[in-house]
Amino acid sequence: DFAEGNIHHKALLISVTVCSILLVLIIIFCYFRYKRQETRPRYSIGLEQDETYIPPGESLKDLIEQSQSSGSGSGLPLLVRD
């Protein structure tokens, strides 16, 4: 009984140790990855303050309707009977 209980304790100790080491390595990896992203310059689109995506005189609704009604395969599909 004693030898069997001792093996269980050793297995538990090894498992906890391995899991703890893996957890510490994952935390270190995430920390350095976060720090690397923080030091990287952020890219901007390059738009001026007064530039917009929507041309003057058009609304967002107009742009959505144009994108849905133009192009190949747009519109309602036709039902085909055999």
N, C-alpha and C. Protein backbone atom coordinates (compact mmCIF):
# COMPACT_ATOMS: atom_id res chain seq x y z
N ASP A 1 0.82 -1.19 0.00
CA ASP A 1 0.00 0.00 0.00
C ASP A 1 0.86 1.26 0.00
N PHE A 2 1.91 1.23 0.80
CA PHE A 2 2.76 2.42 0.91
C PHE A 2 3.44 2.74 -0.41
N ALA A 3 3.95 1.71 -1.08
CA ALA A 3 4.65 1.93 -2.35
C ALA A 3 3.67 2.44 -3.41
N GLU A 4 2.45 1.92 -3.41
CA GLU A 4 1.45 2.34 -4.39
C GLU A 4 1.03 3.80 -4.13
N GLY A 5 0.85 4.18 -2.89
CA GLY A 5 0.50 5.56 -2.53
C GLY A 5 1.63 6.51 -2.86
N ASN A 6 2.85 6.07 -2.69
CA ASN A 6 4.02 6.87 -3.00
C ASN A 6 4.10 7.15 -4.50
N ILE A 7 3.74 6.19 -5.32
CA ILE A 7 3.75 6.36 -6.78
C ILE A 7 2.69 7.39 -7.19
N HIS A 8 1.54 7.33 -6.55
CA HIS A 8 0.48 8.29 -6.86
C HIS A 8 0.90 9.72 -6.50
N HIS A 9 1.58 9.85 -5.37
CA HIS A 9 2.06 11.17 -4.97
C HIS A 9 3.11 11.69 -5.94
N LYS A 10 4.00 10.82 -6.38
CA LYS A 10 5.03 11.23 -7.34
C LYS A 10 4.39 11.63 -8.67
N ALA A 11 3.40 10.86 -9.13
CA ALA A 11 2.72 11.18 -10.38
C ALA A 11 1.99 12.52 -10.26
N LEU A 12 1.35 12.76 -9.13
CA LEU A 12 0.66 14.03 -8.92
C LEU A 12 1.66 15.18 -8.88
N LEU A 13 2.77 14.99 -8.21
CA LEU A 13 3.78 16.03 -8.12
C LEU A 13 4.36 16.35 -9.50
N ILE A 14 4.63 15.33 -10.29
CA ILE A 14 5.17 15.54 -11.64
C ILE A 14 4.14 16.25 -12.52
N SER A 15 2.90 15.84 -12.43
CA SER A 15 1.84 16.46 -13.24
C SER A 15 1.67 17.94 -12.88
N VAL A 16 1.61 18.23 -11.61
CA VAL A 16 1.44 19.62 -11.17
C VAL A 16 2.65 20.45 -11.59
N THR A 17 3.84 19.89 -11.49
CA THR A 17 5.05 20.61 -11.88
C THR A 17 5.05 20.92 -13.37
N VAL A 18 4.72 19.93 -14.20
CA VAL A 18 4.71 20.12 -15.65
C VAL A 18 3.65 21.15 -16.04
N CYS A 19 2.46 21.05 -15.46
CA CYS A 19 1.40 22.01 -15.77
C CYS A 19 1.78 23.42 -15.34
N SER A 20 2.42 23.55 -14.19
CA SER A 20 2.85 24.87 -13.72
C SER A 20 3.90 25.47 -14.64
N ILE A 21 4.84 24.67 -15.07
CA ILE A 21 5.88 25.16 -15.99
C ILE A 21 5.26 25.59 -17.32
N LEU A 22 4.32 24.79 -17.84
CA LEU A 22 3.66 25.15 -19.09
C LEU A 22 2.87 26.45 -18.94
N LEU A 23 2.19 26.61 -17.82
CA LEU A 23 1.43 27.83 -17.58
C LEU A 23 2.34 29.05 -17.53
N VAL A 24 3.47 28.93 -16.86
CA VAL A 24 4.42 30.04 -16.78
C VAL A 24 4.97 30.37 -18.17
N LEU A 25 5.29 29.35 -18.97
CA LEU A 25 5.80 29.59 -20.32
C LEU A 25 4.76 30.28 -21.20
N ILE A 26 3.51 29.88 -21.09
CA ILE A 26 2.45 30.51 -21.88
C ILE A 26 2.28 31.97 -21.46
N ILE A 27 2.32 32.25 -20.17
CA ILE A 27 2.19 33.63 -19.69
C ILE A 27 3.36 34.48 -20.18
N ILE A 28 4.58 33.95 -20.14
CA ILE A 28 5.75 34.68 -20.63
C ILE A 28 5.63 34.95 -22.12
N PHE A 29 5.20 33.95 -22.89
CA PHE A 29 5.02 34.11 -24.33
C PHE A 29 4.00 35.20 -24.64
N CYS A 30 2.86 35.18 -23.95
CA CYS A 30 1.83 36.19 -24.17
C CYS A 30 2.31 37.58 -23.77
N TYR A 31 3.08 37.68 -22.71
CA TYR A 31 3.59 38.97 -22.26
C TYR A 31 4.53 39.58 -23.30
N PHE A 32 5.47 38.78 -23.79
CA PHE A 32 6.40 39.31 -24.79
C PHE A 32 5.71 39.63 -26.11
N ARG A 33 4.71 38.86 -26.47
CA ARG A 33 3.96 39.16 -27.69
C ARG A 33 3.19 40.47 -27.54
N TYR A 34 2.60 40.68 -26.37
CA TYR A 34 1.89 41.93 -26.10
C TYR A 34 2.85 43.11 -26.13
N LYS A 35 4.02 42.97 -25.52
CA LYS A 35 5.00 44.04 -25.51
C LYS A 35 5.49 44.36 -26.91
N ARG A 36 5.67 43.34 -27.74
CA ARG A 36 6.14 43.55 -29.11
C ARG A 36 5.10 44.31 -29.91
N GLN A 37 3.81 43.99 -29.74
CA GLN A 37 2.76 44.70 -30.45
C GLN A 37 2.64 46.14 -29.96
N GLU A 38 2.93 46.37 -28.69
CA GLU A 38 2.84 47.70 -28.13
C GLU A 38 3.91 48.62 -28.69
N THR A 39 5.10 48.09 -28.96
CA THR A 39 6.20 48.91 -29.47
C THR A 39 6.10 49.12 -30.98
N ARG A 40 5.33 48.29 -31.67
CA ARG A 40 5.15 48.42 -33.11
C ARG A 40 4.33 49.67 -33.43
N PRO A 41 4.72 50.42 -34.46
CA PRO A 41 3.91 51.60 -34.81
C PRO A 41 2.57 51.19 -35.40
N ARG A 42 1.56 51.92 -35.06
CA ARG A 42 0.23 51.65 -35.60
C ARG A 42 0.12 52.29 -36.98
N TYR A 43 -0.47 51.54 -37.90
CA TYR A 43 -0.61 52.04 -39.25
C TYR A 43 -1.92 52.81 -39.37
N SER A 44 -1.85 53.93 -40.03
CA SER A 44 -3.06 54.71 -40.26
C SER A 44 -3.44 54.56 -41.73
N ILE A 45 -4.66 54.84 -42.04
CA ILE A 45 -5.16 54.70 -43.40
C ILE A 45 -4.58 55.78 -44.29
N GLY A 46 -4.19 56.89 -43.71
CA GLY A 46 -3.62 57.97 -44.47
C GLY A 46 -4.66 58.97 -44.94
N LEU A 47 -5.83 58.96 -44.35
CA LEU A 47 -6.86 59.91 -44.71
C LEU A 47 -6.64 61.22 -43.96
N GLU A 48 -6.90 62.29 -44.63
CA GLU A 48 -6.86 63.59 -43.97
C GLU A 48 -8.09 63.72 -43.08
N GLN A 49 -8.09 64.70 -42.25
CA GLN A 49 -9.21 64.91 -41.34
C GLN A 49 -10.52 65.16 -42.07
N ASP A 50 -10.45 65.91 -43.19
CA ASP A 50 -11.68 66.27 -43.88
C ASP A 50 -12.08 65.27 -44.95
N GLU A 51 -11.28 64.23 -45.19
CA GLU A 51 -11.64 63.23 -46.20
C GLU A 51 -12.65 62.25 -45.62
N THR A 52 -13.59 61.81 -46.45
CA THR A 52 -14.56 60.81 -46.02
C THR A 52 -14.69 59.75 -47.09
N TYR A 53 -15.26 58.62 -46.73
CA TYR A 53 -15.50 57.55 -47.68
C TYR A 53 -16.75 57.81 -48.51
N ILE A 54 -17.70 58.53 -47.96
CA ILE A 54 -18.97 58.78 -48.66
C ILE A 54 -18.85 60.10 -49.41
N PRO A 55 -19.01 60.08 -50.74
CA PRO A 55 -18.92 61.32 -51.51
C PRO A 55 -20.04 62.28 -51.12
N PRO A 56 -19.81 63.57 -51.30
CA PRO A 56 -20.85 64.55 -50.97
C PRO A 56 -22.09 64.34 -51.82
N GLY A 57 -23.24 64.49 -51.22
CA GLY A 57 -24.50 64.32 -51.94
C GLY A 57 -25.02 62.91 -51.95
N GLU A 58 -24.27 61.95 -51.41
CA GLU A 58 -24.72 60.56 -51.35
C GLU A 58 -24.85 60.15 -49.88
N SER A 59 -25.75 59.23 -49.65
CA SER A 59 -25.91 58.74 -48.28
C SER A 59 -25.40 57.31 -48.21
N LEU A 60 -25.31 56.82 -47.02
CA LEU A 60 -24.88 55.44 -46.82
C LEU A 60 -25.88 54.47 -47.46
N LYS A 61 -27.15 54.82 -47.39
CA LYS A 61 -28.19 53.98 -47.99
C LYS A 61 -27.97 53.87 -49.50
N ASP A 62 -27.63 55.00 -50.16
CA ASP A 62 -27.36 54.98 -51.60
C ASP A 62 -26.19 54.05 -51.93
N LEU A 63 -25.14 54.12 -51.14
CA LEU A 63 -23.97 53.26 -51.39
C LEU A 63 -24.31 51.78 -51.22
N ILE A 64 -25.12 51.47 -50.21
CA ILE A 64 -25.53 50.08 -50.00
C ILE A 64 -26.37 49.58 -51.16
N GLU A 65 -27.31 50.41 -51.63
CA GLU A 65 -28.15 50.01 -52.76
C GLU A 65 -27.33 49.80 -54.02
N GLN A 66 -26.32 50.65 -54.25
CA GLN A 66 -25.46 50.50 -55.42
C GLN A 66 -24.66 49.20 -55.35
N SER A 67 -24.17 48.87 -54.16
CA SER A 67 -23.36 47.66 -54.04
C SER A 67 -24.20 46.40 -54.19
N GLN A 68 -25.48 46.47 -53.86
CA GLN A 68 -26.34 45.30 -53.97
C GLN A 68 -26.93 45.15 -55.36
N SER A 69 -27.01 46.23 -56.11
CA SER A 69 -27.70 46.15 -57.40
C SER A 69 -26.74 46.11 -58.58
N SER A 70 -25.46 46.18 -58.35
CA SER A 70 -24.54 46.16 -59.47
C SER A 70 -23.67 44.91 -59.40
N GLY A 71 -23.25 44.45 -60.56
CA GLY A 71 -22.35 43.31 -60.59
C GLY A 71 -23.05 42.06 -61.06
N SER A 72 -22.26 41.07 -61.38
CA SER A 72 -22.78 39.81 -61.89
C SER A 72 -23.43 39.02 -60.77
N GLY A 73 -24.60 38.47 -61.06
CA GLY A 73 -25.28 37.62 -60.09
C GLY A 73 -26.06 38.40 -59.05
N SER A 74 -26.19 39.69 -59.24
CA SER A 74 -26.91 40.47 -58.24
C SER A 74 -28.40 40.43 -58.53
N GLY A 75 -29.16 40.84 -57.60
CA GLY A 75 -30.61 40.87 -57.77
C GLY A 75 -31.24 39.60 -57.26
N LEU A 76 -32.56 39.53 -57.43
CA LEU A 76 -33.29 38.36 -56.96
C LEU A 76 -33.10 37.18 -57.92
N PRO A 77 -32.91 35.98 -57.40
CA PRO A 77 -32.74 34.84 -58.28
C PRO A 77 -34.08 34.45 -58.94
N LEU A 78 -33.99 33.92 -60.13
CA LEU A 78 -35.17 33.48 -60.85
C LEU A 78 -35.46 32.02 -60.50
N LEU A 79 -36.73 31.69 -60.38
CA LEU A 79 -37.11 30.31 -60.11
C LEU A 79 -37.19 29.57 -61.43
N VAL A 80 -36.64 28.40 -61.47
CA VAL A 80 -36.62 27.61 -62.71
C VAL A 80 -37.46 26.37 -62.49
N ARG A 81 -38.38 26.11 -63.43
CA ARG A 81 -39.20 24.89 -63.35
C ARG A 81 -38.76 23.92 -64.42
N ASP A 82 -38.84 22.66 -64.12
CA ASP A 82 -38.49 21.62 -65.10
C ASP A 82 -39.72 21.13 -65.81
